[in-house]
Amino acid sequence: MFGMIIGILFGLYALTAVINVIGVIIGAVFSGVFSVIGGAFSGEGLVIGIILGVAAFYYFRNRKESA
């Protein structure tokens, strides 16, 4: 009986550790993603995005007219 109680407590402890590790991994992934998104919309990233968008627009417009 005592062993079963210890086993259940250890299982809960291990489950809590696994949940904490999964939470840290998910937090790191979202932190990285939002950091990249934030960097893309800040200062020079926004200017580069606008330039690339305009270049892509003209490229696809000219390609459609020539076809």
PDB file of N, CA and C in Angstrom:
ATOM      1  N   MET A   1       0.821  -1.184   0.000  1.00  0.00           N
ATOM      2  CA  MET A   1       0.000   0.000   0.000  1.00  0.00           C
ATOM      3  C   MET A   1       0.873   1.259   0.000  1.00  0.00           C
ATOM      4  N   PHE A   2       1.900   1.258   0.846  1.00  0.00           N
ATOM      5  CA  PHE A   2       2.807   2.406   0.928  1.00  0.00           C
ATOM      6  C   PHE A   2       3.556   2.580  -0.394  1.00  0.00           C
ATOM      7  N   GLY A   3       3.955   1.480  -1.009  1.00  0.00           N
ATOM      8  CA  GLY A   3       4.652   1.545  -2.299  1.00  0.00           C
ATOM      9  C   GLY A   3       3.763   2.120  -3.397  1.00  0.00           C
ATOM     10  N   MET A   4       2.482   1.769  -3.357  1.00  0.00           N
ATOM     11  CA  MET A   4       1.553   2.284  -4.349  1.00  0.00           C
ATOM     12  C   MET A   4       1.398   3.800  -4.209  1.00  0.00           C
ATOM     13  N   ILE A   5       1.350   4.289  -2.976  1.00  0.00           N
ATOM     14  CA  ILE A   5       1.235   5.729  -2.747  1.00  0.00           C
ATOM     15  C   ILE A   5       2.495   6.440  -3.250  1.00  0.00           C
ATOM     16  N   ILE A   6       3.654   5.878  -2.956  1.00  0.00           N
ATOM     17  CA  ILE A   6       4.920   6.459  -3.433  1.00  0.00           C
ATOM     18  C   ILE A   6       4.957   6.444  -4.964  1.00  0.00           C
ATOM     19  N   GLY A   7       4.492   5.346  -5.570  1.00  0.00           N
ATOM     20  CA  GLY A   7       4.464   5.253  -7.034  1.00  0.00           C
ATOM     21  C   GLY A   7       3.553   6.290  -7.661  1.00  0.00           C
ATOM     22  N   ILE A   8       2.397   6.497  -7.070  1.00  0.00           N
ATOM     23  CA  ILE A   8       1.468   7.500  -7.582  1.00  0.00           C
ATOM     24  C   ILE A   8       2.063   8.900  -7.446  1.00  0.00           C
ATOM     25  N   LEU A   9       2.675   9.194  -6.311  1.00  0.00           N
ATOM     26  CA  LEU A   9       3.299  10.506  -6.110  1.00  0.00           C
ATOM     27  C   LEU A   9       4.447  10.730  -7.088  1.00  0.00           C
ATOM     28  N   PHE A  10       5.246   9.681  -7.308  1.00  0.00           N
ATOM     29  CA  PHE A  10       6.350   9.805  -8.267  1.00  0.00           C
ATOM     30  C   PHE A  10       5.807   9.995  -9.679  1.00  0.00           C
ATOM     31  N   GLY A  11       4.743   9.282 -10.033  1.00  0.00           N
ATOM     32  CA  GLY A  11       4.121   9.451 -11.351  1.00  0.00           C
ATOM     33  C   GLY A  11       3.592  10.857 -11.559  1.00  0.00           C
ATOM     34  N   LEU A  12       2.957  11.421 -10.543  1.00  0.00           N
ATOM     35  CA  LEU A  12       2.475  12.798 -10.636  1.00  0.00           C
ATOM     36  C   LEU A  12       3.627  13.786 -10.762  1.00  0.00           C
ATOM     37  N   TYR A  13       4.711  13.525 -10.016  1.00  0.00           N
ATOM     38  CA  TYR A  13       5.897  14.381 -10.093  1.00  0.00           C
ATOM     39  C   TYR A  13       6.501  14.335 -11.501  1.00  0.00           C
ATOM     40  N   ALA A  14       6.600  13.130 -12.070  1.00  0.00           N
ATOM     41  CA  ALA A  14       7.152  12.981 -13.420  1.00  0.00           C
ATOM     42  C   ALA A  14       6.239  13.647 -14.450  1.00  0.00           C
ATOM     43  N   LEU A  15       4.938  13.491 -14.297  1.00  0.00           N
ATOM     44  CA  LEU A  15       3.983  14.120 -15.216  1.00  0.00           C
ATOM     45  C   LEU A  15       4.090  15.641 -15.147  1.00  0.00           C
ATOM     46  N   THR A  16       4.235  16.171 -13.957  1.00  0.00           N
ATOM     47  CA  THR A  16       4.403  17.618 -13.800  1.00  0.00           C
ATOM     48  C   THR A  16       5.680  18.097 -14.473  1.00  0.00           C
ATOM     49  N   ALA A  17       6.753  17.331 -14.341  1.00  0.00           N
ATOM     50  CA  ALA A  17       8.019  17.701 -14.988  1.00  0.00           C
ATOM     51  C   ALA A  17       7.873  17.696 -16.508  1.00  0.00           C
ATOM     52  N   VAL A  18       7.200  16.680 -17.047  1.00  0.00           N
ATOM     53  CA  VAL A  18       7.009  16.605 -18.502  1.00  0.00           C
ATOM     54  C   VAL A  18       6.167  17.786 -18.984  1.00  0.00           C
ATOM     55  N   ILE A  19       5.105  18.122 -18.269  1.00  0.00           N
ATOM     56  CA  ILE A  19       4.260  19.253 -18.647  1.00  0.00           C
ATOM     57  C   ILE A  19       5.051  20.556 -18.597  1.00  0.00           C
ATOM     58  N   ASN A  20       5.906  20.712 -17.607  1.00  0.00           N
ATOM     59  CA  ASN A  20       6.733  21.919 -17.514  1.00  0.00           C
ATOM     60  C   ASN A  20       7.700  22.017 -18.691  1.00  0.00           C
ATOM     61  N   VAL A  21       8.308  20.899 -19.069  1.00  0.00           N
ATOM     62  CA  VAL A  21       9.243  20.904 -20.197  1.00  0.00           C
ATOM     63  C   VAL A  21       8.507  21.240 -21.489  1.00  0.00           C
ATOM     64  N   ILE A  22       7.331  20.652 -21.685  1.00  0.00           N
ATOM     65  CA  ILE A  22       6.543  20.962 -22.883  1.00  0.00           C
ATOM     66  C   ILE A  22       6.170  22.443 -22.895  1.00  0.00           C
ATOM     67  N   GLY A  23       5.811  22.988 -21.753  1.00  0.00           N
ATOM     68  CA  GLY A  23       5.485  24.410 -21.663  1.00  0.00           C
ATOM     69  C   GLY A  23       6.672  25.290 -22.011  1.00  0.00           C
ATOM     70  N   VAL A  24       7.856  24.916 -21.563  1.00  0.00           N
ATOM     71  CA  VAL A  24       9.059  25.688 -21.880  1.00  0.00           C
ATOM     72  C   VAL A  24       9.340  25.629 -23.377  1.00  0.00           C
ATOM     73  N   ILE A  25       9.202  24.448 -23.979  1.00  0.00           N
ATOM     74  CA  ILE A  25       9.447  24.306 -25.421  1.00  0.00           C
ATOM     75  C   ILE A  25       8.451  25.139 -26.220  1.00  0.00           C
ATOM     76  N   ILE A  26       7.177  25.046 -25.881  1.00  0.00           N
ATOM     77  CA  ILE A  26       6.152  25.824 -26.589  1.00  0.00           C
ATOM     78  C   ILE A  26       6.406  27.318 -26.399  1.00  0.00           C
ATOM     79  N   GLY A  27       6.765  27.718 -25.195  1.00  0.00           N
ATOM     80  CA  GLY A  27       7.069  29.131 -24.945  1.00  0.00           C
ATOM     81  C   GLY A  27       8.250  29.614 -25.767  1.00  0.00           C
ATOM     82  N   ALA A  28       9.283  28.789 -25.897  1.00  0.00           N
ATOM     83  CA  ALA A  28      10.447  29.171 -26.690  1.00  0.00           C
ATOM     84  C   ALA A  28      10.096  29.298 -28.167  1.00  0.00           C
ATOM     85  N   VAL A  29       9.277  28.383 -28.663  1.00  0.00           N
ATOM     86  CA  VAL A  29       8.875  28.437 -30.077  1.00  0.00           C
ATOM     87  C   VAL A  29       8.077  29.707 -30.349  1.00  0.00           C
ATOM     88  N   PHE A  30       7.082  29.987 -29.506  1.00  0.00           N
ATOM     89  CA  PHE A  30       6.277  31.194 -29.725  1.00  0.00           C
ATOM     90  C   PHE A  30       7.108  32.453 -29.540  1.00  0.00           C
ATOM     91  N   SER A  31       8.041  32.444 -28.608  1.00  0.00           N
ATOM     92  CA  SER A  31       8.904  33.595 -28.413  1.00  0.00           C
ATOM     93  C   SER A  31       9.745  33.853 -29.655  1.00  0.00           C
ATOM     94  N   GLY A  32      10.300  32.789 -30.226  1.00  0.00           N
ATOM     95  CA  GLY A  32      11.096  32.930 -31.446  1.00  0.00           C
ATOM     96  C   GLY A  32      10.270  33.417 -32.613  1.00  0.00           C
ATOM     97  N   VAL A  33       9.073  32.866 -32.779  1.00  0.00           N
ATOM     98  CA  VAL A  33       8.205  33.259 -33.892  1.00  0.00           C
ATOM     99  C   VAL A  33       7.816  34.726 -33.768  1.00  0.00           C
ATOM    100  N   PHE A  34       7.399  35.139 -32.578  1.00  0.00           N
ATOM    101  CA  PHE A  34       6.975  36.522 -32.411  1.00  0.00           C
ATOM    102  C   PHE A  34       8.163  37.480 -32.473  1.00  0.00           C
ATOM    103  N   SER A  35       9.345  37.018 -32.116  1.00  0.00           N
ATOM    104  CA  SER A  35      10.534  37.838 -32.268  1.00  0.00           C
ATOM    105  C   SER A  35      10.829  38.094 -33.739  1.00  0.00           C
ATOM    106  N   VAL A  36      10.696  37.047 -34.561  1.00  0.00           N
ATOM    107  CA  VAL A  36      10.911  37.206 -36.005  1.00  0.00           C
ATOM    108  C   VAL A  36       9.854  38.128 -36.599  1.00  0.00           C
ATOM    109  N   ILE A  37       8.594  37.943 -36.199  1.00  0.00           N
ATOM    110  CA  ILE A  37       7.517  38.801 -36.708  1.00  0.00           C
ATOM    111  C   ILE A  37       7.744  40.248 -36.274  1.00  0.00           C
ATOM    112  N   GLY A  38       8.124  40.440 -35.022  1.00  0.00           N
ATOM    113  CA  GLY A  38       8.393  41.787 -34.528  1.00  0.00           C
ATOM    114  C   GLY A  38       9.571  42.431 -35.241  1.00  0.00           C
ATOM    115  N   GLY A  39      10.591  41.640 -35.518  1.00  0.00           N
ATOM    116  CA  GLY A  39      11.740  42.166 -36.256  1.00  0.00           C
ATOM    117  C   GLY A  39      11.388  42.533 -37.678  1.00  0.00           C
ATOM    118  N   ALA A  40      10.469  41.787 -38.282  1.00  0.00           N
ATOM    119  CA  ALA A  40      10.082  42.068 -39.661  1.00  0.00           C
ATOM    120  C   ALA A  40       9.306  43.376 -39.762  1.00  0.00           C
ATOM    121  N   PHE A  41       8.576  43.737 -38.709  1.00  0.00           N
ATOM    122  CA  PHE A  41       7.758  44.942 -38.765  1.00  0.00           C
ATOM    123  C   PHE A  41       8.401  46.123 -38.056  1.00  0.00           C
ATOM    124  N   SER A  42       9.663  46.017 -37.713  1.00  0.00           N
ATOM    125  CA  SER A  42      10.324  47.151 -37.073  1.00  0.00           C
ATOM    126  C   SER A  42      11.275  47.815 -38.058  1.00  0.00           C
ATOM    127  N   GLY A  43      11.386  49.079 -37.996  1.00  0.00           N
ATOM    128  CA  GLY A  43      12.335  49.889 -38.736  1.00  0.00           C
ATOM    129  C   GLY A  43      12.718  49.401 -40.112  1.00  0.00           C
ATOM    130  N   GLU A  44      13.960  48.922 -40.239  1.00  0.00           N
ATOM    131  CA  GLU A  44      14.479  48.549 -41.546  1.00  0.00           C
ATOM    132  C   GLU A  44      13.793  47.304 -42.105  1.00  0.00           C
ATOM    133  N   GLY A  45      13.322  46.430 -41.254  1.00  0.00           N
ATOM    134  CA  GLY A  45      12.606  45.253 -41.741  1.00  0.00           C
ATOM    135  C   GLY A  45      11.350  45.650 -42.494  1.00  0.00           C
ATOM    136  N   LEU A  46      10.664  46.684 -42.036  1.00  0.00           N
ATOM    137  CA  LEU A  46       9.465  47.162 -42.714  1.00  0.00           C
ATOM    138  C   LEU A  46       9.817  47.748 -44.075  1.00  0.00           C
ATOM    139  N   VAL A  47      10.899  48.488 -44.141  1.00  0.00           N
ATOM    140  CA  VAL A  47      11.326  49.080 -45.411  1.00  0.00           C
ATOM    141  C   VAL A  47      11.710  47.986 -46.402  1.00  0.00           C
ATOM    142  N   ILE A  48      12.452  46.998 -45.961  1.00  0.00           N
ATOM    143  CA  ILE A  48      12.841  45.886 -46.833  1.00  0.00           C
ATOM    144  C   ILE A  48      11.604  45.129 -47.305  1.00  0.00           C
ATOM    145  N   GLY A  49      10.649  44.924 -46.423  1.00  0.00           N
ATOM    146  CA  GLY A  49       9.408  44.248 -46.804  1.00  0.00           C
ATOM    147  C   GLY A  49       8.635  45.024 -47.862  1.00  0.00           C
ATOM    148  N   ILE A  50       8.579  46.346 -47.720  1.00  0.00           N
ATOM    149  CA  ILE A  50       7.894  47.172 -48.710  1.00  0.00           C
ATOM    150  C   ILE A  50       8.607  47.092 -50.053  1.00  0.00           C
ATOM    151  N   ILE A  51       9.921  47.178 -50.031  1.00  0.00           N
ATOM    152  CA  ILE A  51      10.691  47.108 -51.280  1.00  0.00           C
ATOM    153  C   ILE A  51      10.492  45.763 -51.963  1.00  0.00           C
ATOM    154  N   LEU A  52      10.571  44.679 -51.211  1.00  0.00           N
ATOM    155  CA  LEU A  52      10.371  43.354 -51.793  1.00  0.00           C
ATOM    156  C   LEU A  52       8.943  43.189 -52.318  1.00  0.00           C
ATOM    157  N   GLY A  53       7.964  43.707 -51.591  1.00  0.00           N
ATOM    158  CA  GLY A  53       6.576  43.629 -52.047  1.00  0.00           C
ATOM    159  C   GLY A  53       6.360  44.380 -53.349  1.00  0.00           C
ATOM    160  N   VAL A  54       6.905  45.586 -53.469  1.00  0.00           N
ATOM    161  CA  VAL A  54       6.766  46.372 -54.694  1.00  0.00           C
ATOM    162  C   VAL A  54       7.481  45.674 -55.845  1.00  0.00           C
ATOM    163  N   ALA A  55       8.684  45.136 -55.581  1.00  0.00           N
ATOM    164  CA  ALA A  55       9.422  44.423 -56.628  1.00  0.00           C
ATOM    165  C   ALA A  55       8.652  43.194 -57.104  1.00  0.00           C
ATOM    166  N   ALA A  56       8.066  42.451 -56.184  1.00  0.00           N
ATOM    167  CA  ALA A  56       7.284  41.275 -56.566  1.00  0.00           C
ATOM    168  C   ALA A  56       6.047  41.689 -57.358  1.00  0.00           C
ATOM    169  N   PHE A  57       5.406  42.790 -56.959  1.00  0.00           N
ATOM    170  CA  PHE A  57       4.223  43.271 -57.679  1.00  0.00           C
ATOM    171  C   PHE A  57       4.576  43.604 -59.122  1.00  0.00           C
ATOM    172  N   TYR A  58       5.655  44.367 -59.326  1.00  0.00           N
ATOM    173  CA  TYR A  58       6.038  44.723 -60.688  1.00  0.00           C
ATOM    174  C   TYR A  58       6.479  43.504 -61.493  1.00  0.00           C
ATOM    175  N   TYR A  59       7.166  42.575 -60.853  1.00  0.00           N
ATOM    176  CA  TYR A  59       7.610  41.363 -61.544  1.00  0.00           C
ATOM    177  C   TYR A  59       6.407  40.561 -62.041  1.00  0.00           C
ATOM    178  N   PHE A  60       5.420  40.317 -61.172  1.00  0.00           N
ATOM    179  CA  PHE A  60       4.273  39.527 -61.578  1.00  0.00           C
ATOM    180  C   PHE A  60       3.367  40.288 -62.554  1.00  0.00           C
ATOM    181  N   ARG A  61       3.296  41.616 -62.448  1.00  0.00           N
ATOM    182  CA  ARG A  61       2.483  42.394 -63.383  1.00  0.00           C
ATOM    183  C   ARG A  61       3.097  42.342 -64.778  1.00  0.00           C
ATOM    184  N   ASN A  62       4.433  42.510 -64.859  1.00  0.00           N
ATOM    185  CA  ASN A  62       5.103  42.452 -66.147  1.00  0.00           C
ATOM    186  C   ASN A  62       5.055  41.050 -66.736  1.00  0.00           C
ATOM    187  N   ARG A  63       5.116  40.069 -65.908  1.00  0.00           N
ATOM    188  CA  ARG A  63       5.077  38.682 -66.389  1.00  0.00           C
ATOM    189  C   ARG A  63       3.695  38.357 -66.971  1.00  0.00           C
ATOM    190  N   LYS A  64       2.639  38.870 -66.314  1.00  0.00           N
ATOM    191  CA  LYS A  64       1.285  38.607 -66.798  1.00  0.00           C
ATOM    192  C   LYS A  64       1.029  39.322 -68.120  1.00  0.00           C
ATOM    193  N   GLU A  65       1.558  40.542 -68.283  1.00  0.00           N
ATOM    194  CA  GLU A  65       1.347  41.310 -69.527  1.00  0.00           C
ATOM    195  C   GLU A  65       2.073  40.663 -70.703  1.00  0.00           C
ATOM    196  N   SER A  66       3.243  40.073 -70.449  1.00  0.00           N
ATOM    197  CA  SER A  66       4.006  39.479 -71.554  1.00  0.00           C
ATOM    198  C   SER A  66       3.467  38.116 -71.954  1.00  0.00           C
ATOM    199  N   ALA A  67       2.670  37.481 -71.109  1.00  0.00           N
ATOM    200  CA  ALA A  67       2.156  36.127 -71.414  1.00  0.00           C
ATOM    201  C   ALA A  67       0.924  36.164 -72.277  1.00  0.00           C
TER     202      ALA A  67
END
